Structures are given as structure tokens and as C-alpha cells.
Amino acid sequence: MTDPDDPARAVEAILFAADAPLTLAEIGHHVGADIEVRAALARLVDDYAGRGVNLVERGGRWHFQTAADLAHILRREKEQPRNLSRAGMETLAIIAYHEPVSRAEIEAIRGVQVAKGTLDVLMEAGWIRPAGRREVPGRPLIYATTPDFLTHFGLESRRDLPGIDDLRAAGLLDPVDLVMEGALSGGARHEDDTDDPSEDTPGQSPLEMDDEDA
């Protein structure tokens, strides 16, 4: 017989009804302070392991998602007019591997000026966000990645970001691509180049190999 007071059921119901991933505090606010949220989540993770839907944590937020080995069943095909531009790829990589960073710090690493439109496109995609201001003269804005960035790339945290050798092994980084290698490691490229934000579209990931995650 189902126990109506089972805390795991309450947490499960909240997560299914939520329109976005929830933090521990947000879950606790909905189900009540007397419920052991962590224990309930751990139980649900075990209950859903091996099923068509799994409970996962991404950047400190919890949500249900299609099991990775079944994602191809629900994947939707859609055309993209362009991939994310080279400037967009390098800028996103720098923010992900060196966050929080200011626009000037991004430019110092890339060796070229960053067009405002490039940052706008990445924010529109939901992959980066303003993360405060650097406490230096002028107090420039600094940028960091978002939980949506982690979810899109299937990462639990930034610690799971692949290294340069991993990207090369997966065929996502050209063996002689010194520009992107510099963006990931922090070295500048120092060449005469200008970003063209018109090349960017927020719908396409610079690292993904499939059309769209389910």
C-alpha cells in the first residue's frame, strides 16, 4: 500500500511538476522543512536508475531527464542556418574554463576584441550570465556559465569539462588548432581578427555532435 506521508513521493511530485531544475532549498520550501530532502533525492536516484527517466543533479539543481541511452528516440531534427561562430566558440570556451572573467580578460586571452553581440548571443542561449563586477578600477562586469550550460553538455559541474587531449580524441578539436588550444589554456593568439557576431546563432552548440539533446 502506498504511504501518503512518504517524503520521497512528495519530492518526486515537486520535481515532476517543476518547469525548471530545482535546488535543495527550493525543494525544501515546497515540501516542508521537516522532510529530509537529501535522503529523499538519494532514494529517488536509486529508484530511477536503469529506467527510461533518471533523476540527475546539474550545477546543484535537480531534475528528471531521459536516460542517456534512450535520448536518440526523442531527439528532434531541426535545421540550423549557421553554427556558432569561431568567435562564439572561443569566447564560450574561455568563460567555461576560466570563469569568472571580464570582457577585457577574454580579449587578453583571445588576443582580439570581443564584439558585444558575441556575448549577447551566448546570454540569449542561456549558457552564460553576468556574475557580478570585478573589484578593480572601473568595476567591469564578469561572466560565468549557467546551470543550463551544464545541462546542455551533460555535466554535473565544471570539474567535468574535458581537457584538450579529450577534445582531440573525440574529434572536436583539430590536432593543430592552436587558437582554440590557447583559448582553453589561457594563451593569447595575437592576430589581426575581428569578431562578426552576425555569424552566431544560439541554437547550435560548439561542442555537440548531435542535433539536439532530448
Protein backbone atom coordinates (compact mmCIF):
# COMPACT_ATOMS: atom_id res chain seq x y z
CA MET A 1 0.00 0.00 0.00
CA THR A 2 1.29 3.47 -0.89
CA ASP A 3 2.31 5.63 2.04
CA PRO A 4 0.85 9.15 1.56
CA ASP A 5 3.41 10.52 4.01
CA ASP A 6 6.41 9.09 2.13
CA PRO A 7 8.83 12.07 1.77
CA ALA A 8 10.32 10.65 -1.46
CA ARG A 9 6.88 10.78 -3.10
CA ALA A 10 6.49 14.45 -2.16
CA VAL A 11 9.91 15.33 -3.60
CA GLU A 12 9.15 13.27 -6.72
CA ALA A 13 5.88 15.12 -7.27
CA ILE A 14 7.53 18.54 -6.89
CA LEU A 15 10.27 17.70 -9.40
CA PHE A 16 7.79 16.37 -11.95
CA ALA A 17 5.64 19.47 -11.66
CA ALA A 18 8.55 21.95 -11.79
CA ASP A 19 9.15 23.79 -15.06
CA ALA A 20 12.88 24.14 -14.30
CA PRO A 21 15.54 22.29 -12.26
CA LEU A 22 15.32 22.96 -8.51
CA THR A 23 17.90 23.46 -5.77
CA LEU A 24 17.75 21.68 -2.42
CA ALA A 25 16.45 24.87 -0.81
CA GLU A 26 13.70 25.25 -3.41
CA ILE A 27 12.60 21.64 -2.98
CA GLY A 28 12.61 22.04 0.80
CA HIS A 29 10.49 25.19 0.52
CA HIS A 30 7.79 23.26 -1.35
CA VAL A 31 7.75 20.01 0.63
CA GLY A 32 8.38 21.44 4.11
CA ALA A 33 11.36 21.78 6.41
CA ASP A 34 10.56 18.53 8.23
CA ILE A 35 11.39 16.40 5.19
CA GLU A 36 14.93 15.10 4.69
CA VAL A 37 15.33 16.27 1.11
CA ARG A 38 18.83 14.83 0.53
CA ALA A 39 17.76 11.38 1.71
CA ALA A 40 14.63 11.51 -0.44
CA LEU A 41 16.67 12.52 -3.51
CA ALA A 42 19.20 9.74 -2.92
CA ARG A 43 16.37 7.23 -2.76
CA LEU A 44 14.80 8.56 -5.95
CA VAL A 45 18.15 8.41 -7.77
CA ASP A 46 18.34 4.70 -6.87
CA ASP A 47 14.66 4.09 -7.73
CA TYR A 48 15.02 5.63 -11.19
CA ALA A 49 18.42 4.14 -12.04
CA GLY A 50 18.13 1.94 -15.11
CA ARG A 51 14.70 3.30 -16.04
CA GLY A 52 13.69 5.38 -19.04
CA VAL A 53 13.84 8.54 -16.94
CA ASN A 54 16.64 9.35 -14.49
CA LEU A 55 16.94 11.87 -11.66
CA VAL A 56 20.12 13.91 -12.11
CA GLU A 57 21.90 16.85 -10.49
CA ARG A 58 23.42 19.57 -12.66
CA GLY A 59 25.14 22.53 -11.03
CA GLY A 60 23.41 22.00 -7.69
CA ARG A 61 19.94 21.73 -9.29
CA TRP A 62 17.85 18.57 -9.64
CA HIS A 63 15.57 17.43 -12.47
CA PHE A 64 14.34 14.35 -14.31
CA GLN A 65 15.70 13.67 -17.78
CA THR A 66 15.54 10.98 -20.42
CA ALA A 67 18.07 8.19 -19.86
CA ALA A 68 21.16 8.90 -21.95
CA ASP A 69 20.93 5.63 -23.91
CA LEU A 70 17.35 6.47 -24.99
CA ALA A 71 17.91 10.10 -25.98
CA HIS A 72 18.00 9.19 -29.68
CA ILE A 73 14.35 8.10 -29.52
CA LEU A 74 13.17 11.59 -28.51
CA ARG A 75 15.68 13.66 -30.43
CA ARG A 76 14.08 16.12 -32.82
CA GLU A 77 15.75 17.04 -36.07
CA LYS A 78 15.78 20.73 -36.93
CA GLU A 79 17.77 22.82 -39.34
CA GLN A 80 20.17 25.48 -38.12
CA PRO A 81 21.12 28.28 -40.51
CA ARG A 82 24.66 28.52 -39.10
CA ASN A 83 26.83 27.05 -36.40
CA LEU A 84 28.11 29.19 -33.54
CA SER A 85 30.88 31.35 -34.98
CA ARG A 86 34.55 30.86 -34.27
CA ALA A 87 34.42 33.92 -32.01
CA GLY A 88 31.47 32.46 -30.13
CA MET A 89 33.20 29.11 -29.66
CA GLU A 90 36.39 30.68 -28.34
CA THR A 91 34.53 33.08 -26.06
CA LEU A 92 32.35 30.31 -24.58
CA ALA A 93 35.41 28.09 -24.06
CA ILE A 94 37.30 30.87 -22.27
CA ILE A 95 34.37 31.61 -19.95
CA ALA A 96 33.81 27.92 -19.19
CA TYR A 97 37.47 27.16 -18.44
CA HIS A 98 38.47 30.42 -16.73
CA GLU A 99 35.28 31.84 -15.14
CA PRO A 100 34.52 34.30 -13.81
CA VAL A 101 36.16 36.51 -16.44
CA SER A 102 35.61 40.05 -17.66
CA ARG A 103 35.36 41.08 -21.29
CA ALA A 104 38.85 42.58 -21.09
CA GLU A 105 40.22 39.29 -19.73
CA ILE A 106 38.53 37.38 -22.56
CA GLU A 107 40.12 39.76 -25.05
CA ALA A 108 43.54 39.36 -23.39
CA ILE A 109 43.31 35.58 -23.77
CA ARG A 110 41.99 35.63 -27.35
CA GLY A 111 44.23 38.48 -28.47
CA VAL A 112 41.36 40.14 -30.34
CA GLN A 113 38.47 42.42 -29.42
CA VAL A 114 35.21 40.70 -28.44
CA ALA A 115 32.13 42.08 -30.14
CA LYS A 116 29.28 42.82 -27.73
CA GLY A 117 26.99 40.77 -29.94
CA THR A 118 29.02 37.63 -29.25
CA LEU A 119 28.34 37.85 -25.52
CA ASP A 120 24.70 38.73 -26.20
CA VAL A 121 24.24 35.58 -28.29
CA LEU A 122 25.72 33.38 -25.56
CA MET A 123 23.48 35.00 -22.94
CA GLU A 124 20.45 34.60 -25.21
CA ALA A 125 21.26 30.90 -25.49
CA GLY A 126 21.25 30.75 -21.69
CA TRP A 127 24.82 29.45 -21.47
CA ILE A 128 26.47 32.45 -19.76
CA ARG A 129 25.34 35.11 -17.29
CA PRO A 130 26.71 38.25 -15.64
CA ALA A 131 28.29 37.16 -12.36
CA GLY A 132 28.93 40.49 -10.65
CA ARG A 133 31.70 43.02 -11.07
CA ARG A 134 35.48 42.77 -10.66
CA GLU A 135 36.65 44.90 -7.74
CA VAL A 136 39.18 46.87 -9.79
CA PRO A 137 39.03 50.39 -11.24
CA GLY A 138 36.01 50.68 -13.50
CA ARG A 139 34.40 47.62 -11.85
CA PRO A 140 33.90 45.69 -15.12
CA LEU A 141 31.21 43.03 -15.44
CA ILE A 142 32.41 39.45 -15.13
CA TYR A 143 30.79 36.45 -16.80
CA ALA A 144 30.25 32.83 -15.80
CA THR A 145 28.46 29.79 -17.19
CA THR A 146 24.93 28.82 -16.13
CA PRO A 147 23.20 25.63 -14.96
CA ASP A 148 21.68 25.47 -18.46
CA PHE A 149 25.22 25.25 -19.87
CA LEU A 150 25.95 22.27 -17.62
CA THR A 151 22.63 20.62 -18.52
CA HIS A 152 23.12 21.16 -22.26
CA PHE A 153 26.53 19.49 -22.20
CA GLY A 154 25.57 16.80 -19.65
CA LEU A 155 28.00 18.00 -16.98
CA GLU A 156 27.47 17.79 -13.23
CA SER A 157 29.95 20.62 -12.63
CA ARG A 158 32.78 22.47 -14.34
CA ARG A 159 35.16 19.86 -12.95
CA ASP A 160 33.75 17.52 -15.61
CA LEU A 161 34.84 19.75 -18.51
CA PRO A 162 37.02 17.76 -20.92
CA GLY A 163 40.70 18.54 -21.27
CA ILE A 164 42.41 19.47 -24.54
CA ASP A 165 43.54 15.88 -25.15
CA ASP A 166 39.99 14.60 -24.52
CA LEU A 167 38.57 17.06 -27.08
CA ARG A 168 41.13 15.99 -29.66
CA ALA A 169 40.41 12.30 -29.03
CA ALA A 170 36.68 12.93 -29.56
CA GLY A 171 37.40 14.72 -32.84
CA LEU A 172 36.15 18.06 -31.50
CA LEU A 173 39.49 19.87 -31.65
CA ASP A 174 41.82 19.87 -34.62
CA PRO A 175 45.26 18.49 -33.70
CA VAL A 176 46.90 21.68 -34.95
CA ASP A 177 44.23 24.11 -33.71
CA LEU A 178 46.48 26.39 -31.67
CA VAL A 179 43.83 29.11 -31.47
CA MET A 180 41.30 27.02 -29.57
CA GLU A 181 44.07 25.42 -27.54
CA GLY A 182 45.12 28.91 -26.48
CA ALA A 183 41.53 29.76 -25.56
CA LEU A 184 41.27 26.70 -23.31
CA SER A 185 44.69 27.06 -21.72
CA GLY A 186 44.70 30.83 -21.38
CA GLY A 187 47.22 31.82 -24.04
CA ALA A 188 46.57 34.73 -26.42
CA ARG A 189 46.61 34.32 -30.18
CA HIS A 190 47.71 37.86 -31.17
CA GLU A 191 46.47 38.12 -34.72
CA ASP A 192 44.59 40.71 -36.71
CA ASP A 193 40.99 39.49 -36.48
CA THR A 194 37.57 40.98 -35.86
CA ASP A 195 34.60 39.20 -34.36
CA ASP A 196 31.49 39.02 -36.52
CA PRO A 197 28.52 38.40 -34.20
CA SER A 198 26.20 38.08 -37.21
CA GLU A 199 27.65 34.60 -37.70
CA ASP A 200 26.34 33.43 -34.33
CA THR A 201 23.09 31.61 -33.68
CA PRO A 202 22.22 30.45 -30.16
CA GLY A 203 20.67 27.14 -31.17
CA GLN A 204 23.84 25.23 -32.04
CA SER A 205 26.42 24.05 -29.55
CA PRO A 206 30.12 24.47 -30.40
CA LEU A 207 30.95 21.06 -28.95
CA GLU A 208 27.86 18.95 -29.61
CA MET A 209 27.85 16.24 -32.25
CA ASP A 210 24.09 15.52 -32.25
CA ASP A 211 21.41 17.88 -33.49
CA GLU A 212 19.67 18.42 -30.15
CA ASP A 213 19.65 16.84 -26.71
CA ALA A 214 16.38 15.21 -25.67
